[in-house]
Amino acid sequence: MKTATLLDGKKLAASLRADIAAQVAELKAKHGITPGLGVILIGADPASVSYVTAKEKACGEAGIHSQSLRVPAETTQDEALALVRRMNADPLIHGILVQLPLPRHIAEEAVINAIAPEKDVDGFTPVNVGRMMIGEDCFLPCTPHGIIQMLISAGVEVSGKHAVVVGRSNIVGKPVAHLLMRKAPGGNATVTVCHTATRDLPSFTRRADILVVAAGRAGTVTGDMVKPGAVVIDVGVNRIPDATKASGFRLVGDVDFDSAAEVASLITPVPGGVGPMTITMLLHNTLQAAQRKKD
């Protein structure tokens, strides 16, 4: 029997996007500035194409100008860097997103580092990561920032709690651990980070008041690994075969939802949990980048 309350990312995202759209309209009316997001998609990975399409749709709904450069997987690294430099120089583009992963022959680090920090709305460049680490104003990474906003909106008391993060990626694991420990709203927790070399993972997850799972593997955490009453944030998106679906698959997270929902107090669904918040915070950062141009 499921007892956990759902953390509805879709509902929260809709509310935040309405506010963003209102701020975009105000920026246009008062200052003649239309926030612009430039997206670079190299190749035709189905998941990446789906993400970019969703971002374009969200931009349109918020009144944000969206410009996508979709190029073949054979695009060279020099050509990719040229695309970034082109968007860096475009005054109509306030934020730049390079859709990851990139083809193997292109170094992600080189392409990300080429993005002008003031247009790095993903919060991935060393400048923004460094600013985040020392508490300076910066663009926060979208998925971690979305997670913090979900906790705040749900009234979860994070300060003084034990948060366990499963996963140490540069995109989610590391930055969300930092945001959870920083002395700010939605933070001030004691944080443990677990990863592939962690011995006896359940011994750590069972002590978590707040459990964030971003391992990239379905079924990483099951209900018997969750502390009763814990808040569970599932970042994973995995496709598993399902003959009952027209697509032939269904989406699941890194947490076994059914068993975890019997133990947790709050839990995010997949889909409909963290995902919508990621795109919402991208819109937030793009708006923020454009607002700085009016000063």
Protein backbone atom coordinates (compact mmCIF):
# COMPACT_ATOMS: atom_id res chain seq x y z
CA MET A 1 0.00 0.00 0.00
CA LYS A 2 1.42 3.36 -1.05
CA THR A 3 1.63 5.88 1.77
CA ALA A 4 4.04 8.52 0.41
CA THR A 5 2.78 11.86 -0.87
CA LEU A 6 3.87 12.67 -4.40
CA LEU A 7 6.20 15.60 -4.99
CA ASP A 8 4.52 16.80 -8.17
CA GLY A 9 7.24 18.48 -10.23
CA LYS A 10 4.86 19.02 -13.13
CA LYS A 11 2.45 21.06 -11.03
CA LEU A 12 5.19 23.16 -9.42
CA ALA A 13 6.86 23.70 -12.79
CA ALA A 14 3.60 25.00 -14.27
CA SER A 15 3.28 27.55 -11.46
CA LEU A 16 6.89 28.72 -11.79
CA ARG A 17 6.66 28.92 -15.59
CA ALA A 18 3.60 31.16 -15.33
CA ASP A 19 5.63 33.53 -13.16
CA ILE A 20 8.56 33.38 -15.59
CA ALA A 21 6.25 34.17 -18.52
CA ALA A 22 4.92 37.21 -16.65
CA GLN A 23 8.47 38.45 -15.99
CA VAL A 24 9.42 37.87 -19.64
CA ALA A 25 6.43 39.94 -20.77
CA GLU A 26 7.40 42.72 -18.35
CA LEU A 27 11.00 42.73 -19.59
CA LYS A 28 9.78 43.05 -23.16
CA ALA A 29 7.30 45.80 -22.36
CA LYS A 30 9.53 47.94 -20.15
CA HIS A 31 12.95 47.39 -21.66
CA GLY A 32 12.39 45.98 -25.14
CA ILE A 33 14.42 42.87 -24.31
CA THR A 34 13.27 39.40 -25.36
CA PRO A 35 15.21 36.66 -23.54
CA GLY A 36 16.90 34.37 -26.05
CA LEU A 37 18.09 30.79 -25.62
CA GLY A 38 20.47 29.23 -28.11
CA VAL A 39 20.55 25.43 -28.25
CA ILE A 40 23.23 23.37 -30.00
CA LEU A 41 22.30 19.76 -30.79
CA ILE A 42 24.96 17.62 -32.43
CA GLY A 43 23.67 14.34 -33.81
CA ALA A 44 20.24 12.76 -33.54
CA ASP A 45 20.25 10.82 -30.27
CA PRO A 46 16.52 10.15 -29.65
CA ALA A 47 16.61 11.21 -25.99
CA SER A 48 18.53 14.39 -26.82
CA VAL A 49 16.15 15.26 -29.65
CA SER A 50 13.22 14.76 -27.27
CA TYR A 51 14.80 16.98 -24.62
CA VAL A 52 15.60 19.77 -27.09
CA THR A 53 12.08 19.66 -28.53
CA ALA A 54 10.62 19.94 -25.03
CA LYS A 55 12.88 22.89 -24.25
CA GLU A 56 11.87 24.65 -27.47
CA LYS A 57 8.19 24.16 -26.61
CA ALA A 58 8.72 25.49 -23.08
CA CYS A 59 10.53 28.56 -24.42
CA GLY A 60 7.67 29.30 -26.79
CA GLU A 61 5.11 29.05 -24.01
CA ALA A 62 7.14 31.42 -21.80
CA GLY A 63 7.68 33.98 -24.57
CA ILE A 64 11.41 33.27 -24.76
CA HIS A 65 13.08 33.42 -28.17
CA SER A 66 14.59 30.02 -29.02
CA GLN A 67 17.23 29.41 -31.65
CA SER A 68 18.34 25.83 -32.27
CA LEU A 69 21.32 24.73 -34.31
CA ARG A 70 20.88 21.05 -35.15
CA VAL A 71 23.93 19.65 -36.90
CA PRO A 72 25.05 16.13 -37.91
CA ALA A 73 26.92 13.77 -35.61
CA GLU A 74 29.88 14.04 -37.98
CA THR A 75 30.37 17.69 -37.01
CA THR A 76 34.00 18.23 -35.98
CA GLN A 77 35.13 19.64 -32.67
CA ASP A 78 36.40 22.79 -34.38
CA GLU A 79 33.01 23.23 -36.02
CA ALA A 80 31.26 22.73 -32.69
CA LEU A 81 33.49 25.35 -31.06
CA ALA A 82 32.69 27.72 -33.91
CA LEU A 83 28.96 27.30 -33.23
CA VAL A 84 29.51 28.21 -29.58
CA ARG A 85 31.57 31.27 -30.50
CA ARG A 86 28.83 32.33 -32.93
CA MET A 87 26.23 32.24 -30.16
CA ASN A 88 28.60 33.96 -27.71
CA ALA A 89 28.72 36.89 -30.14
CA ASP A 90 24.97 37.01 -30.87
CA PRO A 91 23.32 39.83 -28.87
CA LEU A 92 19.89 38.20 -29.25
CA ILE A 93 21.08 35.08 -27.43
CA HIS A 94 21.32 35.49 -23.65
CA GLY A 95 21.77 31.84 -22.74
CA ILE A 96 23.51 28.94 -24.47
CA LEU A 97 22.77 25.26 -23.98
CA VAL A 98 24.88 22.53 -25.55
CA GLN A 99 22.85 19.33 -25.42
CA LEU A 100 24.82 16.48 -23.85
CA PRO A 101 26.09 13.88 -24.45
CA LEU A 102 28.19 14.87 -27.44
CA PRO A 103 29.55 12.43 -30.03
CA ARG A 104 32.67 10.68 -28.73
CA HIS A 105 35.06 12.49 -31.06
CA ILE A 106 34.13 15.85 -29.49
CA ALA A 107 35.58 16.74 -26.08
CA GLU A 108 32.70 17.91 -23.88
CA GLU A 109 35.05 19.85 -21.63
CA ALA A 110 36.41 21.92 -24.51
CA VAL A 111 32.96 22.80 -25.82
CA ILE A 112 31.49 23.64 -22.41
CA ASN A 113 34.51 25.75 -21.49
CA ALA A 114 34.04 27.75 -24.69
CA ILE A 115 30.65 29.06 -23.53
CA ALA A 116 30.80 32.63 -22.22
CA PRO A 117 30.14 32.39 -18.44
CA GLU A 118 27.49 35.11 -18.65
CA LYS A 119 25.58 32.91 -21.12
CA ASP A 120 26.19 29.60 -19.33
CA VAL A 121 22.58 28.98 -18.29
CA ASP A 122 23.34 25.31 -17.58
CA GLY A 123 25.84 26.36 -14.90
CA PHE A 124 28.49 23.97 -16.24
CA THR A 125 31.50 26.20 -16.96
CA PRO A 126 34.36 26.27 -14.44
CA VAL A 127 33.62 29.94 -13.71
CA ASN A 128 30.03 29.28 -12.65
CA VAL A 129 30.91 26.07 -10.81
CA GLY A 130 33.59 27.96 -8.90
CA ARG A 131 31.24 30.80 -8.07
CA MET A 132 28.66 28.31 -6.81
CA MET A 133 31.23 26.60 -4.59
CA ILE A 134 32.26 29.84 -2.85
CA GLY A 135 28.75 31.26 -2.65
CA GLU A 136 28.95 34.01 -5.27
CA ASP A 137 26.06 34.94 -7.56
CA CYS A 138 25.96 32.56 -10.53
CA PHE A 139 23.77 30.38 -12.70
CA LEU A 140 22.93 27.28 -10.69
CA PRO A 141 22.83 23.91 -12.52
CA CYS A 142 19.23 23.32 -13.56
CA THR A 143 18.46 19.86 -12.17
CA PRO A 144 20.06 20.45 -8.73
CA HIS A 145 18.42 23.87 -8.49
CA GLY A 146 15.07 22.34 -9.43
CA ILE A 147 15.47 19.74 -6.66
CA ILE A 148 16.11 22.45 -4.07
CA GLN A 149 13.05 24.39 -5.24
CA MET A 150 10.92 21.25 -4.90
CA LEU A 151 12.08 20.75 -1.32
CA ILE A 152 11.40 24.39 -0.45
CA SER A 153 7.96 24.35 -2.09
CA ALA A 154 6.99 21.17 -0.24
CA GLY A 155 7.98 22.73 3.08
CA VAL A 156 10.70 20.16 3.73
CA GLU A 157 12.96 21.25 6.59
CA VAL A 158 16.42 20.60 5.20
CA SER A 159 18.54 22.42 7.77
CA GLY A 160 20.16 20.01 10.23
CA LYS A 161 18.91 16.93 8.38
CA HIS A 162 21.04 14.13 6.96
CA ALA A 163 20.95 14.13 3.16
CA VAL A 164 22.41 11.25 1.17
CA VAL A 165 23.18 11.69 -2.52
CA VAL A 166 23.67 8.55 -4.63
CA GLY A 167 25.75 9.57 -7.63
CA ARG A 168 28.66 11.96 -8.16
CA SER A 169 28.23 13.33 -11.68
CA ASN A 170 29.19 16.91 -12.49
CA ILE A 171 25.65 17.51 -13.74
CA VAL A 172 23.65 16.34 -10.69
CA GLY A 173 25.45 14.50 -7.90
CA LYS A 174 28.25 16.92 -7.03
CA PRO A 175 26.29 20.17 -7.40
CA VAL A 176 23.19 18.96 -5.56
CA ALA A 177 25.39 17.80 -2.68
CA HIS A 178 26.88 21.28 -2.51
CA LEU A 179 23.49 23.03 -2.66
CA LEU A 180 22.15 20.79 0.10
CA MET A 181 25.06 21.67 2.38
CA ARG A 182 25.31 25.41 1.69
CA LYS A 183 23.94 27.79 4.30
CA ALA A 184 20.89 28.97 2.37
CA PRO A 185 17.19 28.14 1.96
CA GLY A 186 16.81 24.48 1.02
CA GLY A 187 20.28 23.75 2.38
CA ASN A 188 22.31 23.56 5.59
CA ALA A 189 22.08 19.75 5.70
CA THR A 190 24.77 17.26 6.64
CA VAL A 191 25.55 15.54 3.35
CA THR A 192 26.91 12.11 2.46
CA VAL A 193 27.78 11.29 -1.16
CA CYS A 194 27.71 7.66 -2.30
CA HIS A 195 28.97 6.23 -5.60
CA THR A 196 30.03 3.04 -7.38
CA ALA A 197 32.87 2.40 -4.93
CA THR A 198 30.67 2.81 -1.84
CA ARG A 199 30.60 -0.36 0.23
CA ASP A 200 27.24 -1.41 1.70
CA LEU A 201 25.14 1.30 0.04
CA PRO A 202 21.99 0.39 2.02
CA SER A 203 23.73 1.23 5.30
CA PHE A 204 24.02 4.82 4.08
CA THR A 205 20.65 5.22 2.37
CA ARG A 206 18.78 3.89 5.42
CA ARG A 207 20.15 6.80 7.47
CA ALA A 208 19.00 9.49 5.04
CA ASP A 209 16.28 11.95 6.00
CA ILE A 210 16.52 13.22 2.43
CA LEU A 211 17.62 10.75 -0.25
CA VAL A 212 18.59 11.98 -3.72
CA VAL A 213 19.22 9.19 -6.21
CA ALA A 214 21.04 10.07 -9.44
CA ALA A 215 22.86 6.84 -10.20
CA GLY A 216 21.76 6.32 -13.80
CA ARG A 217 20.56 2.76 -13.22
CA ALA A 218 17.02 1.48 -12.67
CA GLY A 219 16.38 -0.23 -9.36
CA THR A 220 19.44 1.18 -7.61
CA VAL A 221 17.38 1.91 -4.50
CA THR A 222 14.54 -0.29 -3.25
CA GLY A 223 12.07 0.22 -0.43
CA ASP A 224 14.10 -1.75 2.10
CA MET A 225 16.94 0.75 1.58
CA VAL A 226 14.80 3.76 2.56
CA LYS A 227 14.44 5.17 6.07
CA PRO A 228 10.79 5.30 7.17
CA GLY A 229 9.47 8.81 6.60
CA ALA A 230 12.34 9.89 4.36
CA VAL A 231 11.98 12.30 1.46
CA VAL A 232 13.03 10.53 -1.76
CA ILE A 233 14.08 12.48 -4.85
CA ASP A 234 14.50 10.24 -7.89
CA VAL A 235 16.54 11.89 -10.65
CA GLY A 236 16.86 8.82 -12.87
CA VAL A 237 15.19 8.36 -16.25
CA ASN A 238 15.57 4.85 -17.64
CA ARG A 239 13.81 3.10 -20.51
CA ILE A 240 12.79 -0.48 -19.84
CA PRO A 241 10.95 -2.83 -22.21
CA ASP A 242 7.17 -2.91 -21.85
CA ALA A 243 5.11 -4.76 -24.42
CA THR A 244 1.91 -3.09 -23.18
CA LYS A 245 3.12 0.32 -24.41
CA ALA A 246 2.85 1.44 -28.01
CA SER A 247 6.45 2.62 -27.83
CA GLY A 248 7.59 -0.77 -26.55
CA PHE A 249 9.07 0.74 -23.39
CA ARG A 250 8.23 2.72 -20.29
CA LEU A 251 10.16 5.20 -18.20
CA VAL A 252 11.27 4.41 -14.67
CA GLY A 253 13.61 6.10 -12.23
CA ASP A 254 16.61 4.88 -10.29
CA VAL A 255 14.32 4.09 -7.34
CA ASP A 256 11.87 1.19 -7.25
CA PHE A 257 8.86 3.46 -6.86
CA ASP A 258 6.27 0.98 -5.56
CA SER A 259 8.37 -0.36 -2.69
CA ALA A 260 9.89 3.02 -1.78
CA ALA A 261 6.49 4.72 -1.74
CA GLU A 262 5.39 2.37 1.04
CA VAL A 263 8.17 3.70 3.28
CA ALA A 264 8.87 7.30 2.31
CA SER A 265 6.87 10.34 3.39
CA LEU A 266 7.41 12.22 0.11
CA ILE A 267 8.61 10.85 -3.23
CA THR A 268 9.01 12.12 -6.78
CA PRO A 269 7.41 10.16 -9.61
CA VAL A 270 9.13 9.31 -12.91
CA PRO A 271 8.08 10.86 -15.19
CA GLY A 272 6.55 14.03 -13.76
CA GLY A 273 8.96 14.66 -10.92
CA VAL A 274 12.36 16.24 -11.35
CA GLY A 275 12.26 16.39 -15.16
CA PRO A 276 9.81 19.30 -15.57
CA MET A 277 11.75 21.28 -12.96
CA THR A 278 14.99 20.95 -14.91
CA ILE A 279 13.56 22.72 -17.95
CA THR A 280 11.86 25.29 -15.72
CA MET A 281 15.13 26.29 -14.09
CA LEU A 282 16.69 26.58 -17.55
CA LEU A 283 13.98 29.13 -18.40
CA HIS A 284 14.65 30.85 -15.07
CA ASN A 285 18.36 31.15 -15.81
CA THR A 286 17.74 32.43 -19.34
CA LEU A 287 15.41 35.10 -17.99
CA GLN A 288 18.00 36.01 -15.37
CA ALA A 289 20.68 36.36 -18.06
CA ALA A 290 18.45 38.68 -20.08
CA GLN A 291 17.49 40.77 -17.04
CA ARG A 292 21.16 41.55 -16.43
CA LYS A 293 21.24 43.27 -19.82
CA LYS A 294 18.82 45.97 -18.69
CA ASP A 295 21.13 47.18 -15.92
